Amino acid sequence: MARDLSRRSVLAAVGAVPVLTTMAAAAVVIDLSARRQTIRGFGGMTHAAWIGDLTAAQRETAFGTGEGRLGFSVLRIPVPENQADWSRNAATARRAAELGAAVIASPWNPPPAWWRPSSAAARPTRDASGTTCTPPTPST
């Protein structure tokens, strides 16, 4: 059975878009000469360390523009602390860019060498790859 797949129905199904059952009439004034903001696109993020990289079919569904596709135009990916993990999201980023999406890569956490304890009793934590990272001890 084929289903009509639209952005709104997909986003509503996962709770990302409120579904309105009743609407009240309202007066709206639109001043086209006053730009308030520019919308460059819509999209999402993927984090291979959390969910694995998207499959080829998922990439096409997310960034493709044909029937049954979402047509996302923005992808955000993390830049892990561990340089060996930098390629984890590469296939999705490459395909999204090929399909016209803007790819924004940003650090998720600062490198451990830059950490400053927020209290005297700073505790070790683990980065995305599971490596134990201990913040440096402040010098006195």
Foldseek 3Di string as FASTA:
>chain_A
DDDQDELVVVCVVVPNDDDDPDDDDDDDDDDPVDDDDDDPWAAEEDECLVPFEDDPVVLCQDCPDDGNHHNGAEYEYEQFLDVVCRCRHVVSVVSNVVSRHHYHYYHPDDHLQPDDAPDQPFDWDATSVRDTRGHDHDDD
